[in-house]
Amino acid sequence: MTLGVRAIVENDQGEVLLVRHTYVEGLFLPGGGVERGEPAEEALARELVEEAGVEMTDRAELLGIFSNHRVFPNDHVLLYRVRGWRGVPATNRGEIAEIVWSDPLDLPDDATAGTQRRLSAVYGKGPAGLYW
């Protein structure tokens, strides 16, 4: 089994943070894989600083666990909401091509299907579902 974490991070205008990776197409909620022996919330904190320069100042709220086996057999994604955060220098080494702030219900056309489904469900415009 593989395990990943993703986060909904909002700014003061109610926009959500999306990232564009250099190695895959589309806009994603920030996050990544949980390393062996690493607690999921620590993985989330690490990934947010690496990818987007977001440092959590409060604990994240777990919103759900979703199957992502369409992408990789037996993969699961934990979705968190991060309310308390501050900006810090991102530590990614060329992994992120772009950071985008977007209205969660009016996403750019190239937001991934999983990103669209999760934001639609969280913001009350779609079913929650069990799949990423």
Protein backbone atom coordinates (compact mmCIF):
# COMPACT_ATOMS: atom_id res chain seq x y z
CA MET A 1 0.00 0.00 0.00
CA THR A 2 1.15 3.54 -0.71
CA LEU A 3 -0.03 6.60 1.16
CA GLY A 4 -0.12 10.23 0.14
CA VAL A 5 -1.24 13.48 1.70
CA ARG A 6 -2.79 16.55 0.09
CA ALA A 7 -3.98 19.82 1.58
CA ILE A 8 -6.57 22.48 1.01
CA VAL A 9 -4.81 25.73 1.93
CA GLU A 10 -6.88 28.92 1.70
CA ASN A 11 -5.70 32.52 1.59
CA ASP A 12 -7.57 35.50 3.10
CA GLN A 13 -9.60 35.91 -0.12
CA GLY A 14 -10.94 32.33 0.09
CA GLU A 15 -8.80 31.11 -2.80
CA VAL A 16 -7.14 27.69 -2.65
CA LEU A 17 -3.53 26.88 -3.36
CA LEU A 18 -2.72 24.72 -6.37
CA VAL A 19 0.66 23.62 -7.68
CA ARG A 20 1.92 22.67 -11.12
CA HIS A 21 4.69 20.08 -11.10
CA THR A 22 7.50 20.00 -13.65
CA TYR A 23 7.08 16.27 -14.31
CA VAL A 24 3.31 15.80 -14.78
CA GLU A 25 0.54 17.85 -16.38
CA GLY A 26 -2.22 19.61 -14.48
CA LEU A 27 -2.78 21.58 -11.31
CA PHE A 28 -2.88 19.68 -8.02
CA LEU A 29 -3.57 20.36 -4.39
CA PRO A 30 -0.14 20.48 -2.73
CA GLY A 31 1.14 17.34 -1.07
CA GLY A 32 2.98 14.15 -1.75
CA GLY A 33 4.02 10.77 -0.44
CA VAL A 34 4.39 9.70 3.17
CA GLU A 35 7.87 8.30 3.77
CA ARG A 36 8.54 5.09 5.71
CA GLY A 37 8.31 5.82 9.45
CA GLU A 38 6.95 9.33 8.90
CA PRO A 39 3.63 10.38 10.48
CA ALA A 40 1.16 11.58 7.84
CA GLU A 41 0.77 15.05 9.31
CA GLU A 42 4.58 15.50 9.37
CA ALA A 43 4.68 14.45 5.71
CA LEU A 44 2.04 17.07 4.98
CA ALA A 45 4.02 19.78 6.78
CA ARG A 46 7.19 18.79 4.91
CA GLU A 47 5.50 18.70 1.51
CA LEU A 48 3.80 22.08 2.01
CA VAL A 49 7.11 23.79 2.77
CA GLU A 50 8.87 21.99 -0.07
CA GLU A 51 6.26 22.59 -2.74
CA ALA A 52 4.67 25.90 -1.84
CA GLY A 53 6.49 27.67 0.97
CA VAL A 54 3.58 27.10 3.36
CA GLU A 55 4.43 26.46 6.99
CA MET A 56 1.59 25.18 9.14
CA THR A 57 1.11 27.16 12.37
CA ASP A 58 -1.74 24.96 13.63
CA ARG A 59 -2.57 21.30 13.27
CA ALA A 60 -4.28 20.33 10.05
CA GLU A 61 -7.84 18.98 10.00
CA LEU A 62 -8.24 15.54 8.40
CA LEU A 63 -11.17 15.71 5.97
CA GLY A 64 -11.08 12.18 4.60
CA ILE A 65 -9.24 9.17 3.24
CA PHE A 66 -9.70 8.40 -0.44
CA SER A 67 -8.78 5.49 -2.68
CA ASN A 68 -6.50 6.48 -5.54
CA HIS A 69 -6.12 3.02 -7.10
CA ARG A 70 -6.96 4.33 -10.58
CA VAL A 71 -3.53 5.95 -10.56
CA PHE A 72 -1.58 3.32 -8.60
CA PRO A 73 -2.85 -0.01 -7.21
CA ASN A 74 -3.74 0.19 -3.51
CA ASP A 75 -2.85 3.89 -3.18
CA HIS A 76 -4.68 6.06 -0.68
CA VAL A 77 -4.71 9.83 -0.17
CA LEU A 78 -5.41 11.63 3.10
CA LEU A 79 -6.97 15.03 2.52
CA TYR A 80 -6.40 17.77 5.09
CA ARG A 81 -7.53 21.36 5.50
CA VAL A 82 -4.87 23.77 6.69
CA ARG A 83 -6.30 26.89 8.29
CA GLY A 84 -3.29 28.25 10.20
CA TRP A 85 -0.22 28.90 8.07
CA ARG A 86 2.41 31.44 7.10
CA GLY A 87 4.55 31.89 4.05
CA VAL A 88 8.20 30.78 4.14
CA PRO A 89 10.76 30.15 1.39
CA ALA A 90 9.90 26.99 -0.53
CA THR A 91 12.56 24.31 -0.41
CA ASN A 92 11.68 22.43 -3.60
CA ARG A 93 14.51 21.76 -5.97
CA GLY A 94 12.86 22.42 -9.29
CA GLU A 95 9.85 20.16 -8.70
CA ILE A 96 7.26 22.96 -8.86
CA ALA A 97 6.79 24.98 -12.05
CA GLU A 98 4.02 27.25 -10.78
CA ILE A 99 1.91 28.11 -7.75
CA VAL A 100 -1.65 29.24 -8.45
CA TRP A 101 -4.33 30.66 -6.14
CA SER A 102 -7.83 29.92 -7.44
CA ASP A 103 -11.49 30.17 -6.54
CA PRO A 104 -12.24 26.60 -5.34
CA LEU A 105 -15.45 26.45 -7.38
CA ASP A 106 -14.04 28.06 -10.52
CA LEU A 107 -10.82 26.17 -11.08
CA PRO A 108 -8.52 26.52 -14.09
CA ASP A 109 -9.34 24.09 -16.89
CA ASP A 110 -6.24 22.00 -16.26
CA ALA A 111 -6.92 21.29 -12.59
CA THR A 112 -6.79 17.50 -12.24
CA ALA A 113 -10.01 15.53 -11.99
CA GLY A 114 -9.19 14.45 -8.43
CA THR A 115 -8.55 18.05 -7.40
CA GLN A 116 -11.84 19.12 -8.95
CA ARG A 117 -13.79 16.31 -7.23
CA ARG A 118 -12.33 16.98 -3.80
CA LEU A 119 -12.84 20.74 -3.90
CA SER A 120 -16.36 20.34 -5.26
CA ALA A 121 -17.23 18.00 -2.39
CA VAL A 122 -15.61 20.15 0.32
CA TYR A 123 -17.27 23.34 -0.90
CA GLY A 124 -20.71 21.71 -1.17
CA LYS A 125 -21.14 21.41 -4.92
CA GLY A 126 -20.65 17.68 -5.40
CA PRO A 127 -20.78 14.24 -3.76
CA ALA A 128 -18.02 13.29 -1.33
CA GLY A 129 -17.31 9.87 -2.86
CA LEU A 130 -14.64 7.40 -1.76
CA TYR A 131 -12.28 7.77 -4.70
CA TRP A 132 -9.74 10.49 -5.29
